[in-house]
Amino acid sequence: MDVVLVAVKKDVINEYISVVKESGLNPLIVDVDAFAHENMYGINYDIEPDRNVALLNIGASTINMSILKGGISVFTRDSSLGSNLHTEALQREFNLSYENAEKLKRGELIENVDPDSVGHVIESASEEILSEIVRSVEYYRSTTMHEDIAEVILSGGCALLPNFAAIIAEKTGVETKVAEPFRNIRIPKKFDLSQINEIAPIMSIAVGLAMRKQGDR
């Protein structure tokens, strides 16, 4: 029997539950980022036996990596790094507010800021994140008789950075694609599909959690 042990401080759980209740909602399920991410993958992608896929979610301050073999989790790792490194580097380099630094990250133009310089700053700030990803991939390979990863599915705020998936592919040697969490989900016509497509990569974990229901195993 393979067992996954998950632990979290009660204070953290209670904090989330309090926020949900104060919003007038009744929380029924609490899940782990990695499991919600796997749920999103199972809904939207074909599961192939013995194929290793890495789900990589890079948010503002956390990297979640989960490697699935045949759709079943065989490795998870969280790191306290994230795209805040990019924001802070842009703020320092160009003396910007947080809001303007975020706009630069998304590829928007800011007055008196050279776009080429922005690319160099983001590339430099990415080194620590990329090193952490490479370490996780190499650790997995070393503990599984050099078993390789067929594909990386990238989500989170970093997935919105221009060419970031290509940079990960170059550093790890693994084909990397941006997540499509709404691939198999019917979107009502009343929603703005262009906005949905734009924010899709940062919704992966939310989609996986939203598809859960009471009584799930």
N, C-alpha and C. Protein backbone atom coordinates (compact mmCIF):
# COMPACT_ATOMS: atom_id res chain seq x y z
N MET A 1 0.85 -1.20 0.00
CA MET A 1 0.00 0.00 0.00
C MET A 1 0.88 1.25 0.00
N ASP A 2 0.64 2.12 -0.99
CA ASP A 2 1.34 3.40 -1.02
C ASP A 2 0.53 4.42 -0.24
N VAL A 3 1.21 5.17 0.62
CA VAL A 3 0.53 6.13 1.49
C VAL A 3 1.14 7.51 1.31
N VAL A 4 0.30 8.53 1.22
CA VAL A 4 0.76 9.91 1.19
C VAL A 4 0.33 10.57 2.50
N LEU A 5 1.28 11.09 3.23
CA LEU A 5 1.00 11.74 4.51
C LEU A 5 1.06 13.26 4.32
N VAL A 6 0.00 13.94 4.69
CA VAL A 6 -0.07 15.40 4.55
C VAL A 6 -0.31 16.01 5.92
N ALA A 7 0.45 17.04 6.26
CA ALA A 7 0.28 17.71 7.54
C ALA A 7 0.19 19.22 7.33
N VAL A 8 -0.63 19.87 8.13
CA VAL A 8 -0.75 21.32 8.06
C VAL A 8 -1.14 21.83 9.45
N LYS A 9 -0.67 23.01 9.79
CA LYS A 9 -1.00 23.57 11.10
C LYS A 9 -2.48 23.93 11.17
N LYS A 10 -3.09 23.66 12.32
CA LYS A 10 -4.51 23.96 12.50
C LYS A 10 -4.80 25.45 12.30
N ASP A 11 -3.86 26.29 12.72
CA ASP A 11 -4.06 27.74 12.59
C ASP A 11 -4.27 28.14 11.13
N VAL A 12 -3.53 27.49 10.24
CA VAL A 12 -3.63 27.81 8.81
C VAL A 12 -5.01 27.40 8.28
N ILE A 13 -5.43 26.19 8.63
CA ILE A 13 -6.75 25.71 8.20
C ILE A 13 -7.85 26.62 8.75
N ASN A 14 -7.77 26.93 10.03
CA ASN A 14 -8.81 27.76 10.66
C ASN A 14 -8.88 29.15 10.03
N GLU A 15 -7.73 29.65 9.60
CA GLU A 15 -7.70 30.97 8.96
C GLU A 15 -8.50 30.95 7.65
N TYR A 16 -8.25 29.92 6.85
CA TYR A 16 -8.99 29.78 5.58
C TYR A 16 -10.48 29.60 5.83
N ILE A 17 -10.81 28.74 6.77
CA ILE A 17 -12.22 28.47 7.06
C ILE A 17 -12.93 29.73 7.54
N SER A 18 -12.25 30.52 8.36
CA SER A 18 -12.84 31.77 8.86
C SER A 18 -13.16 32.73 7.72
N VAL A 19 -12.23 32.85 6.78
CA VAL A 19 -12.44 33.74 5.63
C VAL A 19 -13.64 33.30 4.81
N VAL A 20 -13.75 31.99 4.59
CA VAL A 20 -14.87 31.46 3.80
C VAL A 20 -16.20 31.71 4.52
N LYS A 21 -16.22 31.47 5.82
CA LYS A 21 -17.46 31.67 6.58
C LYS A 21 -17.86 33.14 6.63
N GLU A 22 -16.87 34.02 6.78
CA GLU A 22 -17.15 35.46 6.81
C GLU A 22 -17.69 35.95 5.47
N SER A 23 -17.43 35.18 4.41
CA SER A 23 -17.94 35.52 3.09
C SER A 23 -19.36 35.00 2.88
N GLY A 24 -19.90 34.35 3.91
CA GLY A 24 -21.26 33.83 3.82
C GLY A 24 -21.36 32.45 3.20
N LEU A 25 -20.23 31.75 3.11
CA LEU A 25 -20.22 30.41 2.50
C LEU A 25 -19.92 29.36 3.56
N ASN A 26 -20.29 28.13 3.27
CA ASN A 26 -20.09 27.02 4.20
C ASN A 26 -19.05 26.06 3.63
N PRO A 27 -17.84 26.03 4.18
CA PRO A 27 -16.80 25.16 3.63
C PRO A 27 -17.09 23.68 3.89
N LEU A 28 -17.03 22.87 2.83
CA LEU A 28 -17.29 21.44 2.95
C LEU A 28 -16.03 20.60 2.77
N ILE A 29 -15.10 21.10 1.96
CA ILE A 29 -13.90 20.33 1.64
C ILE A 29 -12.67 21.22 1.76
N VAL A 30 -11.64 20.69 2.38
CA VAL A 30 -10.33 21.34 2.42
C VAL A 30 -9.37 20.41 1.69
N ASP A 31 -8.62 20.95 0.74
CA ASP A 31 -7.73 20.10 -0.04
C ASP A 31 -6.33 20.71 -0.10
N VAL A 32 -5.38 19.90 -0.54
CA VAL A 32 -3.99 20.32 -0.69
C VAL A 32 -3.79 20.79 -2.14
N ASP A 33 -2.98 21.85 -2.32
CA ASP A 33 -2.73 22.38 -3.66
C ASP A 33 -2.38 21.28 -4.66
N ALA A 34 -1.46 20.41 -4.28
CA ALA A 34 -0.99 19.37 -5.20
C ALA A 34 -2.12 18.45 -5.63
N PHE A 35 -3.02 18.10 -4.69
CA PHE A 35 -4.13 17.21 -5.03
C PHE A 35 -5.15 17.90 -5.93
N ALA A 36 -5.42 19.17 -5.64
CA ALA A 36 -6.34 19.94 -6.49
C ALA A 36 -5.77 20.06 -7.90
N HIS A 37 -4.48 20.26 -7.99
CA HIS A 37 -3.81 20.37 -9.28
C HIS A 37 -3.94 19.06 -10.06
N GLU A 38 -3.74 17.95 -9.37
CA GLU A 38 -3.89 16.64 -10.01
C GLU A 38 -5.33 16.42 -10.49
N ASN A 39 -6.28 16.91 -9.72
CA ASN A 39 -7.68 16.79 -10.10
C ASN A 39 -7.95 17.54 -11.40
N MET A 40 -7.40 18.75 -11.51
CA MET A 40 -7.54 19.53 -12.73
C MET A 40 -6.97 18.76 -13.93
N TYR A 41 -5.81 18.14 -13.72
CA TYR A 41 -5.17 17.40 -14.81
C TYR A 41 -6.03 16.21 -15.25
N GLY A 42 -6.57 15.47 -14.28
CA GLY A 42 -7.38 14.31 -14.59
C GLY A 42 -8.64 14.65 -15.37
N ILE A 43 -9.17 15.86 -15.14
CA ILE A 43 -10.39 16.30 -15.81
C ILE A 43 -10.12 16.71 -17.26
N ASN A 44 -8.95 17.29 -17.49
CA ASN A 44 -8.68 17.93 -18.79
C ASN A 44 -7.69 17.22 -19.70
N TYR A 45 -6.98 16.23 -19.18
CA TYR A 45 -5.94 15.58 -19.98
C TYR A 45 -6.12 14.08 -20.00
N ASP A 46 -5.63 13.44 -21.07
CA ASP A 46 -5.67 11.98 -21.16
C ASP A 46 -4.57 11.39 -20.28
N ILE A 47 -4.94 10.35 -19.54
CA ILE A 47 -3.98 9.67 -18.66
C ILE A 47 -3.38 8.49 -19.41
N GLU A 48 -2.05 8.47 -19.51
CA GLU A 48 -1.36 7.38 -20.18
C GLU A 48 -0.58 6.56 -19.15
N PRO A 49 -0.76 5.24 -19.13
CA PRO A 49 -0.04 4.38 -18.17
C PRO A 49 1.47 4.54 -18.30
N ASP A 50 2.14 4.58 -17.16
CA ASP A 50 3.61 4.62 -17.09
C ASP A 50 4.21 5.89 -17.69
N ARG A 51 3.38 6.90 -17.95
CA ARG A 51 3.92 8.17 -18.47
C ARG A 51 4.03 9.17 -17.33
N ASN A 52 5.22 9.73 -17.16
CA ASN A 52 5.46 10.67 -16.07
C ASN A 52 5.22 12.11 -16.55
N VAL A 53 4.35 12.81 -15.84
CA VAL A 53 4.04 14.20 -16.16
C VAL A 53 4.25 15.04 -14.90
N ALA A 54 4.97 16.14 -15.04
CA ALA A 54 5.19 17.05 -13.90
C ALA A 54 4.21 18.21 -13.98
N LEU A 55 3.44 18.40 -12.92
CA LEU A 55 2.55 19.55 -12.81
C LEU A 55 3.28 20.60 -11.99
N LEU A 56 3.51 21.75 -12.60
CA LEU A 56 4.32 22.78 -11.97
C LEU A 56 3.51 24.06 -11.85
N ASN A 57 3.20 24.44 -10.60
CA ASN A 57 2.44 25.66 -10.35
C ASN A 57 3.36 26.66 -9.65
N ILE A 58 3.58 27.80 -10.29
CA ILE A 58 4.46 28.82 -9.71
C ILE A 58 3.64 30.07 -9.45
N GLY A 59 3.35 30.32 -8.19
CA GLY A 59 2.58 31.49 -7.81
C GLY A 59 3.48 32.63 -7.37
N ALA A 60 2.92 33.54 -6.59
CA ALA A 60 3.68 34.71 -6.15
C ALA A 60 4.79 34.34 -5.18
N SER A 61 4.52 33.37 -4.30
CA SER A 61 5.51 33.06 -3.26
C SER A 61 5.72 31.56 -3.04
N THR A 62 5.15 30.73 -3.91
CA THR A 62 5.26 29.28 -3.73
C THR A 62 5.40 28.56 -5.06
N ILE A 63 6.24 27.53 -5.07
CA ILE A 63 6.31 26.61 -6.20
C ILE A 63 5.75 25.27 -5.73
N ASN A 64 4.74 24.76 -6.41
CA ASN A 64 4.21 23.43 -6.15
C ASN A 64 4.58 22.53 -7.33
N MET A 65 5.31 21.46 -7.07
CA MET A 65 5.59 20.49 -8.13
C MET A 65 5.02 19.13 -7.73
N SER A 66 4.29 18.54 -8.64
CA SER A 66 3.73 17.22 -8.41
C SER A 66 3.98 16.39 -9.66
N ILE A 67 4.60 15.22 -9.50
CA ILE A 67 4.86 14.35 -10.65
C ILE A 67 3.89 13.17 -10.60
N LEU A 68 3.18 12.98 -11.70
CA LEU A 68 2.21 11.91 -11.82
C LEU A 68 2.75 10.81 -12.72
N LYS A 69 2.55 9.57 -12.32
CA LYS A 69 2.88 8.43 -13.18
C LYS A 69 1.59 7.68 -13.45
N GLY A 70 1.15 7.72 -14.69
CA GLY A 70 -0.13 7.10 -15.02
C GLY A 70 -1.29 7.77 -14.31
N GLY A 71 -1.13 9.09 -14.03
CA GLY A 71 -2.19 9.84 -13.37
C GLY A 71 -2.17 9.76 -11.86
N ILE A 72 -1.22 9.02 -11.29
CA ILE A 72 -1.13 8.85 -9.83
C ILE A 72 0.10 9.57 -9.31
N SER A 73 -0.07 10.31 -8.24
CA SER A 73 1.03 11.09 -7.68
C SER A 73 2.14 10.19 -7.13
N VAL A 74 3.37 10.44 -7.57
CA VAL A 74 4.52 9.68 -7.07
C VAL A 74 5.57 10.59 -6.43
N PHE A 75 5.39 11.92 -6.58
CA PHE A 75 6.37 12.85 -6.03
C PHE A 75 5.72 14.21 -5.90
N THR A 76 5.89 14.85 -4.74
CA THR A 76 5.43 16.23 -4.57
C THR A 76 6.50 17.02 -3.82
N ARG A 77 6.58 18.29 -4.15
CA ARG A 77 7.55 19.14 -3.46
C ARG A 77 7.09 20.59 -3.53
N ASP A 78 7.11 21.28 -2.40
CA ASP A 78 6.76 22.70 -2.34
C ASP A 78 8.00 23.51 -1.98
N SER A 79 8.13 24.68 -2.58
CA SER A 79 9.26 25.57 -2.28
C SER A 79 8.74 26.97 -2.03
N SER A 80 9.39 27.69 -1.13
CA SER A 80 8.96 29.05 -0.79
C SER A 80 9.62 30.08 -1.69
N LEU A 81 9.43 29.91 -2.97
CA LEU A 81 9.91 30.86 -3.97
C LEU A 81 8.75 31.14 -4.92
N GLY A 82 8.84 32.24 -5.63
CA GLY A 82 7.76 32.52 -6.58
C GLY A 82 8.01 33.78 -7.37
N SER A 83 6.99 34.21 -8.09
CA SER A 83 7.13 35.32 -9.02
C SER A 83 7.24 36.69 -8.33
N ASN A 84 7.11 36.72 -7.01
CA ASN A 84 7.41 37.97 -6.29
C ASN A 84 8.86 38.40 -6.53
N LEU A 85 9.72 37.42 -6.80
CA LEU A 85 11.13 37.73 -7.10
C LEU A 85 11.22 38.63 -8.32
N HIS A 86 10.38 38.35 -9.33
CA HIS A 86 10.38 39.18 -10.54
C HIS A 86 9.87 40.59 -10.23
N THR A 87 8.77 40.64 -9.48
CA THR A 87 8.17 41.94 -9.14
C THR A 87 9.15 42.81 -8.37
N GLU A 88 9.78 42.23 -7.36
CA GLU A 88 10.71 42.98 -6.53
C GLU A 88 11.93 43.45 -7.33
N ALA A 89 12.41 42.60 -8.24
CA ALA A 89 13.57 42.98 -9.06
C ALA A 89 13.22 44.15 -9.98
N LEU A 90 12.02 44.12 -10.56
CA LEU A 90 11.59 45.21 -11.44
C LEU A 90 11.38 46.51 -10.65
N GLN A 91 10.84 46.39 -9.45
CA GLN A 91 10.67 47.57 -8.61
C GLN A 91 12.01 48.22 -8.30
N ARG A 92 13.00 47.40 -7.94
CA ARG A 92 14.33 47.92 -7.59
C ARG A 92 15.02 48.55 -8.81
N GLU A 93 14.97 47.84 -9.92
CA GLU A 93 15.70 48.28 -11.10
C GLU A 93 15.16 49.57 -11.69
N PHE A 94 13.82 49.70 -11.72
CA PHE A 94 13.22 50.85 -12.40
C PHE A 94 12.50 51.81 -11.45
N ASN A 95 12.66 51.55 -10.14
CA ASN A 95 12.03 52.42 -9.12
C ASN A 95 10.52 52.56 -9.37
N LEU A 96 9.84 51.42 -9.42
CA LEU A 96 8.42 51.37 -9.76
C LEU A 96 7.56 51.00 -8.57
N SER A 97 6.28 51.29 -8.67
CA SER A 97 5.31 50.80 -7.70
C SER A 97 5.07 49.32 -7.97
N TYR A 98 4.47 48.64 -7.00
CA TYR A 98 4.14 47.22 -7.16
C TYR A 98 3.23 47.02 -8.36
N GLU A 99 2.23 47.88 -8.51
CA GLU A 99 1.25 47.75 -9.60
C GLU A 99 1.92 47.86 -10.97
N ASN A 100 2.81 48.82 -11.14
CA ASN A 100 3.49 48.99 -12.43
C ASN A 100 4.47 47.85 -12.72
N ALA A 101 5.10 47.35 -11.66
CA ALA A 101 6.00 46.21 -11.85
C ALA A 101 5.22 44.98 -12.31
N GLU A 102 4.02 44.79 -11.77
CA GLU A 102 3.17 43.68 -12.19
C GLU A 102 2.75 43.83 -13.65
N LYS A 103 2.47 45.06 -14.06
CA LYS A 103 2.10 45.31 -15.46
C LYS A 103 3.26 44.96 -16.39
N LEU A 104 4.47 45.34 -15.99
CA LEU A 104 5.64 45.01 -16.81
C LEU A 104 5.80 43.50 -16.95
N LYS A 105 5.57 42.78 -15.86
CA LYS A 105 5.67 41.32 -15.90
C LYS A 105 4.73 40.73 -16.94
N ARG A 106 3.56 41.33 -17.07
CA ARG A 106 2.55 40.81 -18.01
C ARG A 106 2.80 41.28 -19.44
N GLY A 107 3.87 42.02 -19.65
CA GLY A 107 4.20 42.46 -20.99
C GLY A 107 3.65 43.81 -21.38
N GLU A 108 3.03 44.52 -20.42
CA GLU A 108 2.52 45.86 -20.70
C GLU A 108 3.67 46.88 -20.70
N LEU A 109 3.48 47.95 -21.46
CA LEU A 109 4.51 48.98 -21.54
C LEU A 109 4.30 50.03 -20.45
N ILE A 110 5.41 50.47 -19.87
CA ILE A 110 5.40 51.54 -18.87
C ILE A 110 6.29 52.66 -19.38
N GLU A 111 5.82 53.88 -19.23
CA GLU A 111 6.55 55.03 -19.74
C GLU A 111 7.97 55.10 -19.15
N ASN A 112 8.93 55.39 -20.03
CA ASN A 112 10.35 55.55 -19.67
C ASN A 112 11.03 54.25 -19.23
N VAL A 113 10.41 53.10 -19.55
CA VAL A 113 11.04 51.81 -19.23
C VAL A 113 11.28 51.06 -20.54
N ASP A 114 12.53 50.69 -20.77
CA ASP A 114 12.91 49.98 -21.99
C ASP A 114 12.49 48.51 -21.91
N PRO A 115 11.64 48.05 -22.84
CA PRO A 115 11.16 46.66 -22.81
C PRO A 115 12.29 45.63 -22.84
N ASP A 116 13.37 45.93 -23.57
CA ASP A 116 14.50 44.98 -23.62
C ASP A 116 15.15 44.84 -22.25
N SER A 117 15.25 45.93 -21.53
CA SER A 117 15.83 45.88 -20.18
C SER A 117 14.96 45.07 -19.24
N VAL A 118 13.65 45.17 -19.43
CA VAL A 118 12.71 44.40 -18.60
C VAL A 118 12.98 42.91 -18.76
N GLY A 119 13.17 42.49 -20.00
CA GLY A 119 13.44 41.07 -20.26
C GLY A 119 14.69 40.59 -19.54
N HIS A 120 15.73 41.40 -19.53
CA HIS A 120 16.98 41.01 -18.86
C HIS A 120 16.79 40.91 -17.35
N VAL A 121 16.02 41.83 -16.78
CA VAL A 121 15.77 41.82 -15.33
C VAL A 121 14.98 40.56 -14.94
N ILE A 122 13.95 40.26 -15.72
CA ILE A 122 13.12 39.08 -15.43
C ILE A 122 13.95 37.80 -15.57
N GLU A 123 14.78 37.78 -16.61
CA GLU A 123 15.63 36.60 -16.82
C GLU A 123 16.58 36.39 -15.65
N SER A 124 17.18 37.47 -15.17
CA SER A 124 18.10 37.38 -14.04
C SER A 124 17.38 36.94 -12.77
N ALA A 125 16.18 37.50 -12.54
CA ALA A 125 15.41 37.16 -11.34
C ALA A 125 14.86 35.74 -11.39
N SER A 126 14.84 35.14 -12.56
CA SER A 126 14.30 33.79 -12.72
C SER A 126 15.28 32.70 -12.31
N GLU A 127 16.56 33.06 -12.19
CA GLU A 127 17.59 32.05 -11.98
C GLU A 127 17.33 31.18 -10.76
N GLU A 128 16.94 31.82 -9.65
CA GLU A 128 16.71 31.05 -8.41
C GLU A 128 15.52 30.10 -8.57
N ILE A 129 14.47 30.58 -9.23
CA ILE A 129 13.29 29.74 -9.47
C ILE A 129 13.66 28.56 -10.37
N LEU A 130 14.38 28.84 -11.44
CA LEU A 130 14.76 27.79 -12.38
C LEU A 130 15.69 26.77 -11.72
N SER A 131 16.59 27.24 -10.88
CA SER A 131 17.50 26.32 -10.17
C SER A 131 16.71 25.38 -9.27
N GLU A 132 15.69 25.90 -8.60
CA GLU A 132 14.86 25.07 -7.73
C GLU A 132 14.10 24.01 -8.54
N ILE A 133 13.60 24.40 -9.69
CA ILE A 133 12.87 23.46 -10.55
C ILE A 133 13.81 22.36 -11.04
N VAL A 134 14.99 22.75 -11.50
CA VAL A 134 15.97 21.77 -11.99
C VAL A 134 16.37 20.81 -10.87
N ARG A 135 16.57 21.34 -9.66
CA ARG A 135 16.93 20.49 -8.52
C ARG A 135 15.85 19.45 -8.25
N SER A 136 14.58 19.87 -8.32
CA SER A 136 13.48 18.94 -8.08
C SER A 136 13.43 17.85 -9.14
N VAL A 137 13.61 18.25 -10.39
CA VAL A 137 13.59 17.28 -11.50
C VAL A 137 14.74 16.30 -11.36
N GLU A 138 15.93 16.80 -11.07
CA GLU A 138 17.10 15.93 -10.94
C GLU A 138 16.97 14.99 -9.74
N TYR A 139 16.39 15.51 -8.64
CA TYR A 139 16.19 14.65 -7.47
C TYR A 139 15.25 13.51 -7.80
N TYR A 140 14.17 13.81 -8.53
CA TYR A 140 13.23 12.75 -8.93
C TYR A 140 13.93 11.71 -9.80
N ARG A 141 14.70 12.18 -10.76
CA ARG A 141 15.41 11.25 -11.65
C ARG A 141 16.37 10.37 -10.86
N SER A 142 17.04 10.95 -9.88
CA SER A 142 18.05 10.20 -9.12
C SER A 142 17.44 9.18 -8.17
N THR A 143 16.20 9.38 -7.76
CA THR A 143 15.56 8.46 -6.80
C THR A 143 14.64 7.45 -7.48
N THR A 144 14.57 7.49 -8.81
CA THR A 144 13.69 6.55 -9.52
C THR A 144 14.44 5.82 -10.62
N MET A 145 15.70 5.50 -10.34
CA MET A 145 16.52 4.79 -11.33
C MET A 145 16.56 5.56 -12.65
N HIS A 146 16.70 6.89 -12.53
CA HIS A 146 16.84 7.76 -13.71
C HIS A 146 15.59 7.76 -14.60
N GLU A 147 14.45 7.47 -14.02
CA GLU A 147 13.21 7.53 -14.78
C GLU A 147 12.95 8.97 -15.21
N ASP A 148 12.60 9.17 -16.47
CA ASP A 148 12.49 10.54 -16.96
C ASP A 148 11.06 11.05 -16.94
N ILE A 149 10.94 12.35 -17.17
CA ILE A 149 9.64 13.04 -17.20
C ILE A 149 9.32 13.36 -18.65
N ALA A 150 8.12 13.01 -19.09
CA ALA A 150 7.75 13.19 -20.48
C ALA A 150 7.32 14.62 -20.80
N GLU A 151 6.75 15.30 -19.79
CA GLU A 151 6.16 16.61 -20.07
C GLU A 151 5.99 17.39 -18.77
N VAL A 152 6.12 18.71 -18.87
CA VAL A 152 5.84 19.61 -17.75
C VAL A 152 4.63 20.45 -18.13
N ILE A 153 3.63 20.51 -17.23
CA ILE A 153 2.47 21.37 -17.42
C ILE A 153 2.60 22.54 -16.45
N LEU A 154 2.77 23.75 -16.99
CA LEU A 154 3.06 24.93 -16.19
C LEU A 154 1.80 25.76 -15.94
N SER A 155 1.60 26.14 -14.68
CA SER A 155 0.47 27.03 -14.33
C SER A 155 0.94 28.04 -13.29
N GLY A 156 0.03 28.90 -12.87
CA GLY A 156 0.37 29.96 -11.92
C GLY A 156 0.78 31.23 -12.64
N GLY A 157 1.07 32.26 -11.88
CA GLY A 157 1.40 33.55 -12.45
C GLY A 157 2.59 33.52 -13.39
N CYS A 158 3.57 32.67 -13.12
CA CYS A 158 4.76 32.60 -13.98
C CYS A 158 4.41 32.10 -15.39
N ALA A 159 3.32 31.38 -15.50
CA ALA A 159 2.90 30.88 -16.81
C ALA A 159 2.50 32.03 -17.74
N LEU A 160 2.21 33.20 -17.16
CA LEU A 160 1.83 34.37 -17.96
C LEU A 160 3.04 35.16 -18.43
N LEU A 161 4.22 34.85 -17.91
CA LEU A 161 5.43 35.55 -18.35
C LEU A 161 5.79 35.11 -19.76
N PRO A 162 6.10 36.04 -20.64
CA PRO A 162 6.46 35.68 -22.01
C PRO A 162 7.63 34.69 -22.05
N ASN A 163 7.43 33.58 -22.78
CA ASN A 163 8.47 32.58 -23.04
C ASN A 163 8.96 31.82 -21.82
N PHE A 164 8.25 31.93 -20.68
CA PHE A 164 8.76 31.25 -19.48
C PHE A 164 8.71 29.73 -19.62
N ALA A 165 7.67 29.22 -20.28
CA ALA A 165 7.58 27.77 -20.50
C ALA A 165 8.76 27.28 -21.34
N ALA A 166 9.13 28.06 -22.34
CA ALA A 166 10.27 27.69 -23.20
C ALA A 166 11.58 27.69 -22.41
N ILE A 167 11.71 28.63 -21.47
CA ILE A 167 12.92 28.70 -20.65
C ILE A 167 13.03 27.47 -19.75
N ILE A 168 11.90 27.06 -19.17
CA ILE A 168 11.90 25.86 -18.32
C ILE A 168 12.27 24.63 -19.15
N ALA A 169 11.71 24.55 -20.36
CA ALA A 169 12.02 23.42 -21.24
C ALA A 169 13.51 23.36 -21.54
N GLU A 170 14.11 24.53 -21.78
CA GLU A 170 15.54 24.58 -22.09
C GLU A 170 16.38 24.15 -20.88
N LYS A 171 16.00 24.59 -19.68
CA LYS A 171 16.79 24.28 -18.48
C LYS A 171 16.66 22.83 -18.04
N THR A 172 15.46 22.25 -18.20
CA THR A 172 15.21 20.89 -17.71
C THR A 172 15.36 19.83 -18.79
N GLY A 173 15.30 20.25 -20.05
CA GLY A 173 15.34 19.27 -21.14
C GLY A 173 14.03 18.53 -21.30
N VAL A 174 12.94 19.09 -20.75
CA VAL A 174 11.63 18.45 -20.82
C VAL A 174 10.64 19.39 -21.51
N GLU A 175 9.87 18.87 -22.46
CA GLU A 175 8.87 19.68 -23.13
C GLU A 175 7.93 20.30 -22.11
N THR A 176 7.71 21.60 -22.20
CA THR A 176 6.89 22.32 -21.22
C THR A 176 5.76 23.06 -21.92
N LYS A 177 4.55 22.86 -21.41
CA LYS A 177 3.36 23.50 -21.99
C LYS A 177 2.61 24.25 -20.90
N VAL A 178 1.93 25.32 -21.29
CA VAL A 178 1.10 26.07 -20.35
C VAL A 178 -0.21 25.32 -20.12
N ALA A 179 -0.64 25.26 -18.87
CA ALA A 179 -1.84 24.51 -18.50
C ALA A 179 -3.10 25.06 -19.18
N GLU A 180 -4.03 24.14 -19.45
CA GLU A 180 -5.34 24.49 -20.02
C GLU A 180 -6.43 23.94 -19.09
N PRO A 181 -6.66 24.59 -17.95
CA PRO A 181 -7.60 24.06 -16.95
C PRO A 181 -9.06 24.06 -17.39
N PHE A 182 -9.39 24.79 -18.46
CA PHE A 182 -10.78 24.83 -18.93
C PHE A 182 -10.97 24.02 -20.21
N ARG A 183 -9.99 23.20 -20.55
CA ARG A 183 -10.02 22.46 -21.83
C ARG A 183 -11.30 21.64 -21.99
N ASN A 184 -11.69 20.92 -20.95
CA ASN A 184 -12.87 20.06 -21.03
C ASN A 184 -14.05 20.59 -20.21
N ILE A 185 -14.03 21.88 -19.95
CA ILE A 185 -15.11 22.49 -19.16
C ILE A 185 -15.90 23.42 -20.06
N ARG A 186 -17.21 23.25 -20.06
CA ARG A 186 -18.07 24.07 -20.92
C ARG A 186 -18.23 25.45 -20.27
N ILE A 187 -17.88 26.48 -20.99
CA ILE A 187 -17.96 27.85 -20.50
C ILE A 187 -19.23 28.51 -21.05
N PRO A 188 -20.15 28.97 -20.21
CA PRO A 188 -21.37 29.64 -20.69
C PRO A 188 -21.03 30.85 -21.57
N LYS A 189 -21.86 31.10 -22.56
CA LYS A 189 -21.60 32.18 -23.52
C LYS A 189 -21.63 33.57 -22.88
N LYS A 190 -22.29 33.68 -21.72
CA LYS A 190 -22.37 35.00 -21.07
C LYS A 190 -21.02 35.46 -20.51
N PHE A 191 -20.06 34.51 -20.40
CA PHE A 191 -18.74 34.88 -19.91
C PHE A 191 -17.87 35.41 -21.05
N ASP A 192 -16.93 36.27 -20.71
CA ASP A 192 -15.98 36.81 -21.68
C ASP A 192 -14.88 35.77 -21.92
N LEU A 193 -14.97 35.07 -23.03
CA LEU A 193 -14.04 33.97 -23.30
C LEU A 193 -12.59 34.45 -23.43
N SER A 194 -12.41 35.66 -23.95
CA SER A 194 -11.04 36.17 -24.09
C SER A 194 -10.40 36.36 -22.72
N GLN A 195 -11.19 36.82 -21.75
CA GLN A 195 -10.66 36.99 -20.39
C GLN A 195 -10.41 35.64 -19.74
N ILE A 196 -11.33 34.69 -19.97
CA ILE A 196 -11.16 33.34 -19.42
C ILE A 196 -9.85 32.74 -19.93
N ASN A 197 -9.60 32.85 -21.23
CA ASN A 197 -8.37 32.30 -21.81
C ASN A 197 -7.13 33.00 -21.26
N GLU A 198 -7.26 34.29 -21.00
CA GLU A 198 -6.13 35.07 -20.50
C GLU A 198 -5.73 34.65 -19.09
N ILE A 199 -6.72 34.40 -18.23
CA ILE A 199 -6.42 34.07 -16.84
C ILE A 199 -6.33 32.56 -16.59
N ALA A 200 -6.61 31.75 -17.61
CA ALA A 200 -6.68 30.29 -17.42
C ALA A 200 -5.49 29.69 -16.67
N PRO A 201 -4.24 30.03 -17.02
CA PRO A 201 -3.11 29.38 -16.35
C PRO A 201 -3.06 29.59 -14.84
N ILE A 202 -3.65 30.71 -14.34
CA ILE A 202 -3.59 30.94 -12.90
C ILE A 202 -4.80 30.33 -12.17
N MET A 203 -5.66 29.64 -12.92
CA MET A 203 -6.87 29.07 -12.34
C MET A 203 -6.80 27.56 -12.14
N SER A 204 -5.66 26.95 -12.42
CA SER A 204 -5.55 25.49 -12.40
C SER A 204 -5.96 24.87 -11.07
N ILE A 205 -5.38 25.37 -9.97
CA ILE A 205 -5.68 24.80 -8.66
C ILE A 205 -7.13 25.10 -8.27
N ALA A 206 -7.61 26.29 -8.59
CA ALA A 206 -9.00 26.66 -8.28
C ALA A 206 -9.98 25.73 -9.01
N VAL A 207 -9.69 25.43 -10.27
CA VAL A 207 -10.55 24.52 -11.04
C VAL A 207 -10.55 23.13 -10.42
N GLY A 208 -9.36 22.63 -10.07
CA GLY A 208 -9.29 21.30 -9.46
C GLY A 208 -10.04 21.21 -8.16
N LEU A 209 -10.00 22.27 -7.35
CA LEU A 209 -10.72 22.30 -6.09
C LEU A 209 -12.22 22.43 -6.32
N ALA A 210 -12.60 23.26 -7.30
CA ALA A 210 -14.03 23.50 -7.57
C ALA A 210 -14.73 22.24 -8.05
N MET A 211 -13.99 21.30 -8.65
CA MET A 211 -14.62 20.07 -9.16
C MET A 211 -14.82 19.02 -8.08
N ARG A 212 -14.29 19.28 -6.88
CA ARG A 212 -14.51 18.37 -5.76
C ARG A 212 -15.93 18.48 -5.24
N LYS A 213 -16.41 17.40 -4.62
CA LYS A 213 -17.73 17.44 -4.00
C LYS A 213 -17.71 16.61 -2.73
N GLN A 214 -18.66 16.88 -1.86
CA GLN A 214 -18.73 16.18 -0.59
C GLN A 214 -18.89 14.68 -0.83
N GLY A 215 -18.11 13.89 -0.09
CA GLY A 215 -18.18 12.45 -0.25
C GLY A 215 -17.11 11.88 -1.15
N ASP A 216 -16.31 12.77 -1.79
CA ASP A 216 -15.20 12.31 -2.64
C ASP A 216 -14.20 11.52 -1.81
N ARG A 217 -13.50 10.63 -2.50
CA ARG A 217 -12.40 9.90 -1.85
C ARG A 217 -11.10 10.23 -2.55
